[in-house]
């Protein structure tokens, strides 16, 4: 029996300057990482839409309720957790465009730019 080892594929761990989201884009403003055992990096992005607000949901899917909205041009915090398993949804926090309160929720990404 002959075994062949597959070539190891490296994951792209670069931080995207732009992230396409359903209804607009997010543009990288700043980034930082903490040194905890569970490494969580936080990045700040500008919300870029056609002028409308970006929906923020309570969970990673359209079946979850809309808990708020982010304004076009607003700076939000985005967390990227390694192997989070949430598919095409990213977790973000920022000030709600309607209530003015800080919220955390999920926004949909179409692809990384």
PDB file of N, CA and C in Angstrom:
ATOM      1  N   UNK A   1       0.845  -1.167   0.000  1.00  0.00           N
ATOM      2  CA  UNK A   1       0.000   0.000   0.000  1.00  0.00           C
ATOM      3  C   UNK A   1       0.895   1.236   0.000  1.00  0.00           C
ATOM      4  N   UNK A   2       0.614   2.142  -0.877  1.00  0.00           N
ATOM      5  CA  UNK A   2       1.387   3.371  -0.978  1.00  0.00           C
ATOM      6  C   UNK A   2       0.537   4.532  -0.497  1.00  0.00           C
ATOM      7  N   UNK A   3       1.104   5.366   0.363  1.00  0.00           N
ATOM      8  CA  UNK A   3       0.401   6.547   0.867  1.00  0.00           C
ATOM      9  C   UNK A   3       1.068   7.793   0.312  1.00  0.00           C
ATOM     10  N   UNK A   4       0.267   8.725  -0.059  1.00  0.00           N
ATOM     11  CA  UNK A   4       0.780   9.994  -0.544  1.00  0.00           C
ATOM     12  C   UNK A   4       0.293  11.088   0.389  1.00  0.00           C
ATOM     13  N   UNK A   5       1.182  11.930   0.817  1.00  0.00           N
ATOM     14  CA  UNK A   5       0.810  13.044   1.694  1.00  0.00           C
ATOM     15  C   UNK A   5       0.354  14.216   0.831  1.00  0.00           C
ATOM     16  N   UNK A   6      -0.767  14.769   1.201  1.00  0.00           N
ATOM     17  CA  UNK A   6      -1.260  15.949   0.489  1.00  0.00           C
ATOM     18  C   UNK A   6      -0.418  17.153   0.890  1.00  0.00           C
ATOM     19  N   UNK A   7      -0.233  18.043  -0.046  1.00  0.00           N
ATOM     20  CA  UNK A   7       0.529  19.253   0.244  1.00  0.00           C
ATOM     21  C   UNK A   7      -0.247  20.101   1.239  1.00  0.00           C
ATOM     22  N   UNK A   8       0.440  20.561   2.268  1.00  0.00           N
ATOM     23  CA  UNK A   8      -0.202  21.378   3.297  1.00  0.00           C
ATOM     24  C   UNK A   8      -0.596  22.723   2.698  1.00  0.00           C
ATOM     25  N   UNK A   9      -1.860  23.084   2.905  1.00  0.00           N
ATOM     26  CA  UNK A   9      -2.341  24.360   2.396  1.00  0.00           C
ATOM     27  C   UNK A   9      -2.378  25.363   3.534  1.00  0.00           C
ATOM     28  N   UNK A  10      -1.797  26.508   3.305  1.00  0.00           N
ATOM     29  CA  UNK A  10      -1.784  27.574   4.299  1.00  0.00           C
ATOM     30  C   UNK A  10      -3.083  28.368   4.210  1.00  0.00           C
ATOM     31  N   UNK A  11      -3.670  28.678   5.385  1.00  0.00           N
ATOM     32  CA  UNK A  11      -4.857  29.519   5.418  1.00  0.00           C
ATOM     33  C   UNK A  11      -4.434  30.976   5.296  1.00  0.00           C
ATOM     34  N   UNK A  12      -5.231  31.735   4.604  1.00  0.00           N
ATOM     35  CA  UNK A  12      -4.969  33.164   4.489  1.00  0.00           C
ATOM     36  C   UNK A  12      -5.412  33.827   5.782  1.00  0.00           C
ATOM     37  N   UNK A  13      -4.484  34.321   6.550  1.00  0.00           N
ATOM     38  CA  UNK A  13      -4.781  34.952   7.833  1.00  0.00           C
ATOM     39  C   UNK A  13      -4.647  36.477   7.761  1.00  0.00           C
ATOM     40  N   UNK A  14      -4.578  37.001   6.554  1.00  0.00           N
ATOM     41  CA  UNK A  14      -4.453  38.447   6.409  1.00  0.00           C
ATOM     42  C   UNK A  14      -5.779  39.119   6.761  1.00  0.00           C
ATOM     43  N   UNK A  15      -5.683  40.332   7.223  1.00  0.00           N
ATOM     44  CA  UNK A  15      -6.864  41.095   7.608  1.00  0.00           C
ATOM     45  C   UNK A  15      -7.317  41.898   6.393  1.00  0.00           C
ATOM     46  N   UNK A  16      -8.565  41.713   5.974  1.00  0.00           N
ATOM     47  CA  UNK A  16      -9.033  42.411   4.772  1.00  0.00           C
ATOM     48  C   UNK A  16      -9.194  43.909   4.997  1.00  0.00           C
ATOM     49  N   UNK A  17      -8.764  44.695   4.029  1.00  0.00           N
ATOM     50  CA  UNK A  17      -8.950  46.148   4.078  1.00  0.00           C
ATOM     51  C   UNK A  17     -10.421  46.503   3.877  1.00  0.00           C
ATOM     52  N   UNK A  18     -11.101  45.731   3.021  1.00  0.00           N
ATOM     53  CA  UNK A  18     -12.525  45.926   2.759  1.00  0.00           C
ATOM     54  C   UNK A  18     -13.244  44.600   2.911  1.00  0.00           C
ATOM     55  N   UNK A  19     -14.433  44.638   3.491  1.00  0.00           N
ATOM     56  CA  UNK A  19     -15.287  43.459   3.593  1.00  0.00           C
ATOM     57  C   UNK A  19     -16.614  43.822   2.955  1.00  0.00           C
ATOM     58  N   UNK A  20     -17.004  43.083   1.927  1.00  0.00           N
ATOM     59  CA  UNK A  20     -18.315  43.288   1.315  1.00  0.00           C
ATOM     60  C   UNK A  20     -19.359  42.697   2.255  1.00  0.00           C
ATOM     61  N   UNK A  21     -20.403  43.447   2.553  1.00  0.00           N
ATOM     62  CA  UNK A  21     -21.508  42.960   3.370  1.00  0.00           C
ATOM     63  C   UNK A  21     -22.799  43.196   2.622  1.00  0.00           C
ATOM     64  N   UNK A  22     -23.824  42.462   3.009  1.00  0.00           N
ATOM     65  CA  UNK A  22     -25.127  42.611   2.395  1.00  0.00           C
ATOM     66  C   UNK A  22     -25.604  44.040   2.622  1.00  0.00           C
ATOM     67  N   UNK A  23     -25.628  44.842   1.601  1.00  0.00           N
ATOM     68  CA  UNK A  23     -26.071  46.224   1.718  1.00  0.00           C
ATOM     69  C   UNK A  23     -24.943  47.240   1.744  1.00  0.00           C
ATOM     70  N   UNK A  24     -23.679  46.826   1.578  1.00  0.00           N
ATOM     71  CA  UNK A  24     -22.585  47.796   1.580  1.00  0.00           C
ATOM     72  C   UNK A  24     -21.229  47.160   1.787  1.00  0.00           C
ATOM     73  N   UNK A  25     -20.311  47.919   2.404  1.00  0.00           N
ATOM     74  CA  UNK A  25     -18.956  47.446   2.672  1.00  0.00           C
ATOM     75  C   UNK A  25     -18.503  47.937   4.038  1.00  0.00           C
ATOM     76  N   UNK A  26     -17.484  47.253   4.585  1.00  0.00           N
ATOM     77  CA  UNK A  26     -16.802  47.703   5.785  1.00  0.00           C
ATOM     78  C   UNK A  26     -15.363  47.993   5.386  1.00  0.00           C
ATOM     79  N   UNK A  27     -14.819  49.137   5.826  1.00  0.00           N
ATOM     80  CA  UNK A  27     -13.451  49.521   5.493  1.00  0.00           C
ATOM     81  C   UNK A  27     -12.626  49.571   6.770  1.00  0.00           C
ATOM     82  N   UNK A  28     -11.466  48.865   6.796  1.00  0.00           N
ATOM     83  CA  UNK A  28     -10.602  48.782   7.969  1.00  0.00           C
ATOM     84  C   UNK A  28     -10.104  50.158   8.379  1.00  0.00           C
ATOM     85  N   UNK A  29     -10.221  50.466   9.688  1.00  0.00           N
ATOM     86  CA  UNK A  29      -9.742  51.714  10.251  1.00  0.00           C
ATOM     87  C   UNK A  29      -8.556  51.446  11.169  1.00  0.00           C
ATOM     88  N   UNK A  30      -8.669  50.435  12.066  1.00  0.00           N
ATOM     89  CA  UNK A  30      -7.648  50.149  13.069  1.00  0.00           C
ATOM     90  C   UNK A  30      -7.762  48.695  13.484  1.00  0.00           C
ATOM     91  N   UNK A  31      -6.676  48.129  14.052  1.00  0.00           N
ATOM     92  CA  UNK A  31      -6.718  46.751  14.536  1.00  0.00           C
ATOM     93  C   UNK A  31      -5.864  46.609  15.782  1.00  0.00           C
ATOM     94  N   UNK A  32      -6.242  45.639  16.641  1.00  0.00           N
ATOM     95  CA  UNK A  32      -5.472  45.317  17.843  1.00  0.00           C
ATOM     96  C   UNK A  32      -5.807  43.901  18.259  1.00  0.00           C
ATOM     97  N   UNK A  33      -4.914  43.273  19.041  1.00  0.00           N
ATOM     98  CA  UNK A  33      -5.140  41.929  19.553  1.00  0.00           C
ATOM     99  C   UNK A  33      -4.866  41.927  21.042  1.00  0.00           C
ATOM    100  N   UNK A  34      -5.613  41.085  21.795  1.00  0.00           N
ATOM    101  CA  UNK A  34      -5.285  40.942  23.210  1.00  0.00           C
ATOM    102  C   UNK A  34      -4.465  39.678  23.392  1.00  0.00           C
ATOM    103  N   UNK A  35      -3.833  39.525  24.536  1.00  0.00           N
ATOM    104  CA  UNK A  35      -2.932  38.399  24.747  1.00  0.00           C
ATOM    105  C   UNK A  35      -3.545  37.275  25.548  1.00  0.00           C
ATOM    106  N   UNK A  36      -4.849  37.163  25.582  1.00  0.00           N
ATOM    107  CA  UNK A  36      -5.488  36.122  26.381  1.00  0.00           C
ATOM    108  C   UNK A  36      -5.277  34.747  25.759  1.00  0.00           C
ATOM    109  N   UNK A  37      -5.556  33.716  26.555  1.00  0.00           N
ATOM    110  CA  UNK A  37      -5.401  32.342  26.071  1.00  0.00           C
ATOM    111  C   UNK A  37      -6.306  32.097  24.872  1.00  0.00           C
ATOM    112  N   UNK A  38      -7.502  32.629  24.920  1.00  0.00           N
ATOM    113  CA  UNK A  38      -8.415  32.539  23.780  1.00  0.00           C
ATOM    114  C   UNK A  38      -8.219  33.813  22.970  1.00  0.00           C
ATOM    115  N   UNK A  39      -7.402  33.745  21.999  1.00  0.00           N
ATOM    116  CA  UNK A  39      -6.973  34.930  21.261  1.00  0.00           C
ATOM    117  C   UNK A  39      -8.118  35.509  20.434  1.00  0.00           C
ATOM    118  N   UNK A  40      -8.486  36.724  20.755  1.00  0.00           N
ATOM    119  CA  UNK A  40      -9.540  37.422  20.028  1.00  0.00           C
ATOM    120  C   UNK A  40      -8.962  38.732  19.516  1.00  0.00           C
ATOM    121  N   UNK A  41      -9.031  38.934  18.244  1.00  0.00           N
ATOM    122  CA  UNK A  41      -8.574  40.186  17.656  1.00  0.00           C
ATOM    123  C   UNK A  41      -9.783  41.071  17.403  1.00  0.00           C
ATOM    124  N   UNK A  42      -9.598  42.368  17.591  1.00  0.00           N
ATOM    125  CA  UNK A  42     -10.679  43.309  17.334  1.00  0.00           C
ATOM    126  C   UNK A  42     -10.194  44.292  16.277  1.00  0.00           C
ATOM    127  N   UNK A  43     -11.055  44.567  15.352  1.00  0.00           N
ATOM    128  CA  UNK A  43     -10.730  45.453  14.251  1.00  0.00           C
ATOM    129  C   UNK A  43     -11.827  46.494  14.124  1.00  0.00           C
ATOM    130  N   UNK A  44     -11.462  47.704  13.754  1.00  0.00           N
ATOM    131  CA  UNK A  44     -12.450  48.748  13.536  1.00  0.00           C
ATOM    132  C   UNK A  44     -12.605  48.978  12.039  1.00  0.00           C
ATOM    133  N   UNK A  45     -13.847  49.010  11.607  1.00  0.00           N
ATOM    134  CA  UNK A  45     -14.179  49.220  10.199  1.00  0.00           C
ATOM    135  C   UNK A  45     -15.182  50.357  10.067  1.00  0.00           C
ATOM    136  N   UNK A  46     -15.110  51.072   8.940  1.00  0.00           N
ATOM    137  CA  UNK A  46     -16.152  52.019   8.552  1.00  0.00           C
ATOM    138  C   UNK A  46     -17.238  51.233   7.827  1.00  0.00           C
ATOM    139  N   UNK A  47     -18.486  51.547   8.103  1.00  0.00           N
ATOM    140  CA  UNK A  47     -19.605  50.984   7.350  1.00  0.00           C
ATOM    141  C   UNK A  47     -19.766  51.830   6.088  1.00  0.00           C
ATOM    142  N   UNK A  48     -19.791  51.163   4.942  1.00  0.00           N
ATOM    143  CA  UNK A  48     -19.973  51.872   3.668  1.00  0.00           C
ATOM    144  C   UNK A  48     -21.170  51.251   2.955  1.00  0.00           C
ATOM    145  N   UNK A  49     -22.244  52.020   2.810  1.00  0.00           N
ATOM    146  CA  UNK A  49     -23.447  51.545   2.120  1.00  0.00           C
ATOM    147  C   UNK A  49     -23.818  52.551   1.036  1.00  0.00           C
ATOM    148  N   UNK A  50     -24.958  52.326   0.414  1.00  0.00           N
ATOM    149  CA  UNK A  50     -25.461  53.267  -0.587  1.00  0.00           C
ATOM    150  C   UNK A  50     -26.119  54.473   0.078  1.00  0.00           C
ATOM    151  N   UNK A  51     -25.946  54.598   1.386  1.00  0.00           N
ATOM    152  CA  UNK A  51     -26.566  55.683   2.139  1.00  0.00           C
ATOM    153  C   UNK A  51     -27.577  55.174   3.145  1.00  0.00           C
ATOM    154  N   UNK A  52     -28.041  53.952   2.944  1.00  0.00           N
ATOM    155  CA  UNK A  52     -29.004  53.374   3.881  1.00  0.00           C
ATOM    156  C   UNK A  52     -28.269  52.734   5.059  1.00  0.00           C
ATOM    157  N   UNK A  53     -29.021  52.379   6.089  1.00  0.00           N
ATOM    158  CA  UNK A  53     -28.446  51.739   7.268  1.00  0.00           C
ATOM    159  C   UNK A  53     -28.232  50.248   7.034  1.00  0.00           C
ATOM    160  N   UNK A  54     -27.276  49.657   7.771  1.00  0.00           N
ATOM    161  CA  UNK A  54     -26.932  48.245   7.666  1.00  0.00           C
ATOM    162  C   UNK A  54     -27.609  47.483   8.799  1.00  0.00           C
ATOM    163  N   UNK A  55     -28.404  46.448   8.476  1.00  0.00           N
ATOM    164  CA  UNK A  55     -29.102  45.661   9.495  1.00  0.00           C
ATOM    165  C   UNK A  55     -28.132  44.877  10.368  1.00  0.00           C
ATOM    166  N   UNK A  56     -28.415  44.840  11.678  1.00  0.00           N
ATOM    167  CA  UNK A  56     -27.658  44.048  12.649  1.00  0.00           C
ATOM    168  C   UNK A  56     -28.634  43.034  13.233  1.00  0.00           C
ATOM    169  N   UNK A  57     -28.270  41.749  13.202  1.00  0.00           N
ATOM    170  CA  UNK A  57     -29.175  40.683  13.643  1.00  0.00           C
ATOM    171  C   UNK A  57     -28.720  40.046  14.946  1.00  0.00           C
ATOM    172  N   UNK A  58     -29.651  39.409  15.631  1.00  0.00           N
ATOM    173  CA  UNK A  58     -29.370  38.773  16.922  1.00  0.00           C
ATOM    174  C   UNK A  58     -28.583  37.482  16.787  1.00  0.00           C
ATOM    175  N   UNK A  59     -28.541  36.907  15.605  1.00  0.00           N
ATOM    176  CA  UNK A  59     -27.804  35.671  15.362  1.00  0.00           C
ATOM    177  C   UNK A  59     -27.330  35.611  13.925  1.00  0.00           C
ATOM    178  N   UNK A  60     -26.519  34.594  13.596  1.00  0.00           N
ATOM    179  CA  UNK A  60     -25.929  34.490  12.258  1.00  0.00           C
ATOM    180  C   UNK A  60     -26.862  33.877  11.221  1.00  0.00           C
ATOM    181  N   UNK A  61     -27.897  34.611  10.838  1.00  0.00           N
ATOM    182  CA  UNK A  61     -28.827  34.134   9.825  1.00  0.00           C
ATOM    183  C   UNK A  61     -29.992  35.082   9.668  1.00  0.00           C
ATOM    184  N   UNK A  62     -30.634  35.052   8.502  1.00  0.00           N
ATOM    185  CA  UNK A  62     -31.773  35.940   8.261  1.00  0.00           C
ATOM    186  C   UNK A  62     -33.003  35.535   9.053  1.00  0.00           C
ATOM    187  N   UNK A  63     -32.986  34.339   9.632  1.00  0.00           N
ATOM    188  CA  UNK A  63     -34.104  33.914  10.473  1.00  0.00           C
ATOM    189  C   UNK A  63     -34.032  34.549  11.864  1.00  0.00           C
ATOM    190  N   UNK A  64     -32.935  35.223  12.186  1.00  0.00           N
ATOM    191  CA  UNK A  64     -32.809  35.934  13.460  1.00  0.00           C
ATOM    192  C   UNK A  64     -33.343  37.351  13.299  1.00  0.00           C
ATOM    193  N   UNK A  65     -33.846  37.908  14.393  1.00  0.00           N
ATOM    194  CA  UNK A  65     -34.458  39.235  14.336  1.00  0.00           C
ATOM    195  C   UNK A  65     -33.416  40.339  14.154  1.00  0.00           C
ATOM    196  N   UNK A  66     -33.861  41.437  13.560  1.00  0.00           N
ATOM    197  CA  UNK A  66     -33.025  42.626  13.420  1.00  0.00           C
ATOM    198  C   UNK A  66     -33.069  43.353  14.758  1.00  0.00           C
ATOM    199  N   UNK A  67     -31.887  43.531  15.375  1.00  0.00           N
ATOM    200  CA  UNK A  67     -31.825  44.166  16.699  1.00  0.00           C
ATOM    201  C   UNK A  67     -31.393  45.626  16.622  1.00  0.00           C
ATOM    202  N   UNK A  68     -30.965  46.060  15.451  1.00  0.00           N
ATOM    203  CA  UNK A  68     -30.536  47.440  15.289  1.00  0.00           C
ATOM    204  C   UNK A  68     -29.965  47.667  13.910  1.00  0.00           C
ATOM    205  N   UNK A  69     -29.396  48.854  13.727  1.00  0.00           N
ATOM    206  CA  UNK A  69     -28.830  49.225  12.433  1.00  0.00           C
ATOM    207  C   UNK A  69     -27.572  50.055  12.655  1.00  0.00           C
ATOM    208  N   UNK A  70     -26.593  49.882  11.751  1.00  0.00           N
ATOM    209  CA  UNK A  70     -25.401  50.717  11.750  1.00  0.00           C
ATOM    210  C   UNK A  70     -25.531  51.722  10.611  1.00  0.00           C
ATOM    211  N   UNK A  71     -25.099  52.968  10.868  1.00  0.00           N
ATOM    212  CA  UNK A  71     -25.173  54.033   9.869  1.00  0.00           C
ATOM    213  C   UNK A  71     -24.052  53.927   8.847  1.00  0.00           C
ATOM    214  N   UNK A  72     -24.325  54.423   7.662  1.00  0.00           N
ATOM    215  CA  UNK A  72     -23.295  54.566   6.640  1.00  0.00           C
ATOM    216  C   UNK A  72     -22.211  55.502   7.174  1.00  0.00           C
ATOM    217  N   UNK A  73     -20.930  55.099   7.061  1.00  0.00           N
ATOM    218  CA  UNK A  73     -19.813  55.914   7.522  1.00  0.00           C
ATOM    219  C   UNK A  73     -19.431  55.711   8.976  1.00  0.00           C
ATOM    220  N   UNK A  74     -20.251  54.996   9.720  1.00  0.00           N
ATOM    221  CA  UNK A  74     -20.001  54.746  11.140  1.00  0.00           C
ATOM    222  C   UNK A  74     -18.823  53.794  11.336  1.00  0.00           C
ATOM    223  N   UNK A  75     -18.052  53.986  12.408  1.00  0.00           N
ATOM    224  CA  UNK A  75     -16.980  53.065  12.772  1.00  0.00           C
ATOM    225  C   UNK A  75     -17.555  52.016  13.717  1.00  0.00           C
ATOM    226  N   UNK A  76     -17.328  50.728  13.385  1.00  0.00           N
ATOM    227  CA  UNK A  76     -17.803  49.631  14.230  1.00  0.00           C
ATOM    228  C   UNK A  76     -16.639  48.716  14.581  1.00  0.00           C
ATOM    229  N   UNK A  77     -16.807  47.941  15.661  1.00  0.00           N
ATOM    230  CA  UNK A  77     -15.828  46.939  16.074  1.00  0.00           C
ATOM    231  C   UNK A  77     -16.227  45.597  15.494  1.00  0.00           C
ATOM    232  N   UNK A  78     -15.276  44.914  14.862  1.00  0.00           N
ATOM    233  CA  UNK A  78     -15.529  43.595  14.280  1.00  0.00           C
ATOM    234  C   UNK A  78     -14.584  42.597  14.921  1.00  0.00           C
ATOM    235  N   UNK A  79     -15.122  41.464  15.401  1.00  0.00           N
ATOM    236  CA  UNK A  79     -14.295  40.404  15.981  1.00  0.00           C
ATOM    237  C   UNK A  79     -14.177  39.265  14.990  1.00  0.00           C
ATOM    238  N   UNK A  80     -12.955  38.828  14.742  1.00  0.00           N
ATOM    239  CA  UNK A  80     -12.707  37.655  13.926  1.00  0.00           C
ATOM    240  C   UNK A  80     -12.183  36.592  14.866  1.00  0.00           C
ATOM    241  N   UNK A  81     -12.921  35.496  15.056  1.00  0.00           N
ATOM    242  CA  UNK A  81     -12.453  34.412  15.910  1.00  0.00           C
ATOM    243  C   UNK A  81     -12.069  33.253  15.011  1.00  0.00           C
ATOM    244  N   UNK A  82     -10.912  32.727  15.232  1.00  0.00           N
ATOM    245  CA  UNK A  82     -10.398  31.644  14.401  1.00  0.00           C
ATOM    246  C   UNK A  82     -11.352  30.460  14.426  1.00  0.00           C
ATOM    247  N   UNK A  83     -11.700  29.947  13.241  1.00  0.00           N
ATOM    248  CA  UNK A  83     -12.584  28.790  13.102  1.00  0.00           C
ATOM    249  C   UNK A  83     -13.880  28.958  13.892  1.00  0.00           C
ATOM    250  N   UNK A  84     -14.506  30.126  13.770  1.00  0.00           N
ATOM    251  CA  UNK A  84     -15.734  30.409  14.508  1.00  0.00           C
ATOM    252  C   UNK A  84     -16.904  29.566  14.026  1.00  0.00           C
ATOM    253  N   UNK A  85     -16.856  29.093  12.789  1.00  0.00           N
ATOM    254  CA  UNK A  85     -17.916  28.235  12.273  1.00  0.00           C
ATOM    255  C   UNK A  85     -19.235  28.940  12.039  1.00  0.00           C
ATOM    256  N   UNK A  86     -19.199  30.246  11.765  1.00  0.00           N
ATOM    257  CA  UNK A  86     -20.452  30.973  11.556  1.00  0.00           C
ATOM    258  C   UNK A  86     -20.672  31.322  10.096  1.00  0.00           C
ATOM    259  N   UNK A  87     -19.934  30.675   9.230  1.00  0.00           N
ATOM    260  CA  UNK A  87     -20.163  30.849   7.803  1.00  0.00           C
ATOM    261  C   UNK A  87     -19.980  32.268   7.330  1.00  0.00           C
ATOM    262  N   UNK A  88     -20.973  32.781   6.637  1.00  0.00           N
ATOM    263  CA  UNK A  88     -20.854  34.091   6.016  1.00  0.00           C
ATOM    264  C   UNK A  88     -21.407  35.219   6.881  1.00  0.00           C
ATOM    265  N   UNK A  89     -21.350  35.078   8.184  1.00  0.00           N
ATOM    266  CA  UNK A  89     -21.805  36.107   9.116  1.00  0.00           C
ATOM    267  C   UNK A  89     -20.656  36.492  10.027  1.00  0.00           C
ATOM    268  N   UNK A  90     -20.510  37.794  10.300  1.00  0.00           N
ATOM    269  CA  UNK A  90     -19.477  38.242  11.224  1.00  0.00           C
ATOM    270  C   UNK A  90     -20.111  38.983  12.389  1.00  0.00           C
ATOM    271  N   UNK A  91     -19.466  38.890  13.543  1.00  0.00           N
ATOM    272  CA  UNK A  91     -19.953  39.496  14.779  1.00  0.00           C
ATOM    273  C   UNK A  91     -19.369  40.897  14.898  1.00  0.00           C
ATOM    274  N   UNK A  92     -20.222  41.874  15.147  1.00  0.00           N
ATOM    275  CA  UNK A  92     -19.775  43.265  15.200  1.00  0.00           C
ATOM    276  C   UNK A  92     -20.494  44.027  16.299  1.00  0.00           C
ATOM    277  N   UNK A  93     -19.902  45.112  16.732  1.00  0.00           N
ATOM    278  CA  UNK A  93     -20.510  45.972  17.739  1.00  0.00           C
ATOM    279  C   UNK A  93     -20.354  47.428  17.365  1.00  0.00           C
ATOM    280  N   UNK A  94     -21.338  48.212  17.742  1.00  0.00           N
ATOM    281  CA  UNK A  94     -21.292  49.641  17.459  1.00  0.00           C
ATOM    282  C   UNK A  94     -22.547  50.314  17.979  1.00  0.00           C
ATOM    283  N   UNK A  95     -22.637  51.600  17.769  1.00  0.00           N
ATOM    284  CA  UNK A  95     -23.783  52.378  18.232  1.00  0.00           C
ATOM    285  C   UNK A  95     -24.937  52.205  17.251  1.00  0.00           C
ATOM    286  N   UNK A  96     -26.104  51.832  17.790  1.00  0.00           N
ATOM    287  CA  UNK A  96     -27.301  51.647  16.972  1.00  0.00           C
ATOM    288  C   UNK A  96     -27.736  52.988  16.387  1.00  0.00           C
ATOM    289  N   UNK A  97     -28.016  53.008  15.096  1.00  0.00           N
ATOM    290  CA  UNK A  97     -28.413  54.226  14.392  1.00  0.00           C
ATOM    291  C   UNK A  97     -29.757  54.767  14.874  1.00  0.00           C
ATOM    292  N   UNK A  98     -30.592  53.915  15.454  1.00  0.00           N
ATOM    293  CA  UNK A  98     -31.933  54.326  15.874  1.00  0.00           C
ATOM    294  C   UNK A  98     -31.955  54.772  17.337  1.00  0.00           C
ATOM    295  N   UNK A  99     -31.413  53.927  18.240  1.00  0.00           N
ATOM    296  CA  UNK A  99     -31.510  54.192  19.684  1.00  0.00           C
ATOM    297  C   UNK A  99     -30.317  54.945  20.259  1.00  0.00           C
ATOM    298  N   UNK A 100     -29.166  54.907  19.569  1.00  0.00           N
ATOM    299  CA  UNK A 100     -27.961  55.536  20.094  1.00  0.00           C
ATOM    300  C   UNK A 100     -27.241  54.700  21.134  1.00  0.00           C
ATOM    301  N   UNK A 101     -27.725  53.469  21.379  1.00  0.00           N
ATOM    302  CA  UNK A 101     -27.097  52.572  22.354  1.00  0.00           C
ATOM    303  C   UNK A 101     -26.109  51.647  21.651  1.00  0.00           C
ATOM    304  N   UNK A 102     -25.071  51.210  22.395  1.00  0.00           N
ATOM    305  CA  UNK A 102     -24.094  50.272  21.843  1.00  0.00           C
ATOM    306  C   UNK A 102     -24.738  48.896  21.749  1.00  0.00           C
ATOM    307  N   UNK A 103     -24.639  48.264  20.591  1.00  0.00           N
ATOM    308  CA  UNK A 103     -25.200  46.927  20.386  1.00  0.00           C
ATOM    309  C   UNK A 103     -24.134  46.006  19.807  1.00  0.00           C
ATOM    310  N   UNK A 104     -24.308  44.711  20.030  1.00  0.00           N
ATOM    311  CA  UNK A 104     -23.481  43.672  19.418  1.00  0.00           C
ATOM    312  C   UNK A 104     -24.404  42.745  18.662  1.00  0.00           C
ATOM    313  N   UNK A 105     -24.030  42.392  17.457  1.00  0.00           N
ATOM    314  CA  UNK A 105     -24.849  41.482  16.678  1.00  0.00           C
ATOM    315  C   UNK A 105     -24.110  41.018  15.442  1.00  0.00           C
ATOM    316  N   UNK A 106     -24.847  40.410  14.544  1.00  0.00           N
ATOM    317  CA  UNK A 106     -24.269  39.803  13.345  1.00  0.00           C
ATOM    318  C   UNK A 106     -24.659  40.579  12.097  1.00  0.00           C
ATOM    319  N   UNK A 107     -23.678  40.718  11.201  1.00  0.00           N
ATOM    320  CA  UNK A 107     -23.932  41.308   9.892  1.00  0.00           C
ATOM    321  C   UNK A 107     -23.458  40.319   8.839  1.00  0.00           C
ATOM    322  N   UNK A 108     -24.126  40.312   7.696  1.00  0.00           N
ATOM    323  CA  UNK A 108     -23.841  39.336   6.647  1.00  0.00           C
ATOM    324  C   UNK A 108     -22.710  39.829   5.752  1.00  0.00           C
ATOM    325  N   UNK A 109     -21.802  38.931   5.404  1.00  0.00           N
ATOM    326  CA  UNK A 109     -20.739  39.253   4.452  1.00  0.00           C
ATOM    327  C   UNK A 109     -20.957  38.456   3.178  1.00  0.00           C
ATOM    328  N   UNK A 110     -20.747  39.079   2.050  1.00  0.00           N
ATOM    329  CA  UNK A 110     -20.852  38.364   0.784  1.00  0.00           C
ATOM    330  C   UNK A 110     -19.514  37.736   0.421  1.00  0.00           C
ATOM    331  N   UNK A 111     -18.451  38.441   0.651  1.00  0.00           N
ATOM    332  CA  UNK A 111     -17.103  37.944   0.383  1.00  0.00           C
ATOM    333  C   UNK A 111     -16.108  38.935   0.956  1.00  0.00           C
ATOM    334  N   UNK A 112     -14.867  38.495   1.103  1.00  0.00           N
ATOM    335  CA  UNK A 112     -13.812  39.399   1.558  1.00  0.00           C
ATOM    336  C   UNK A 112     -13.205  40.097   0.368  1.00  0.00           C
ATOM    337  N   UNK A 113     -12.945  41.375   0.509  1.00  0.00           N
ATOM    338  CA  UNK A 113     -12.350  42.128  -0.577  1.00  0.00           C
ATOM    339  C   UNK A 113     -10.938  42.526  -0.257  1.00  0.00           C
TER     340      UNK A 113
END
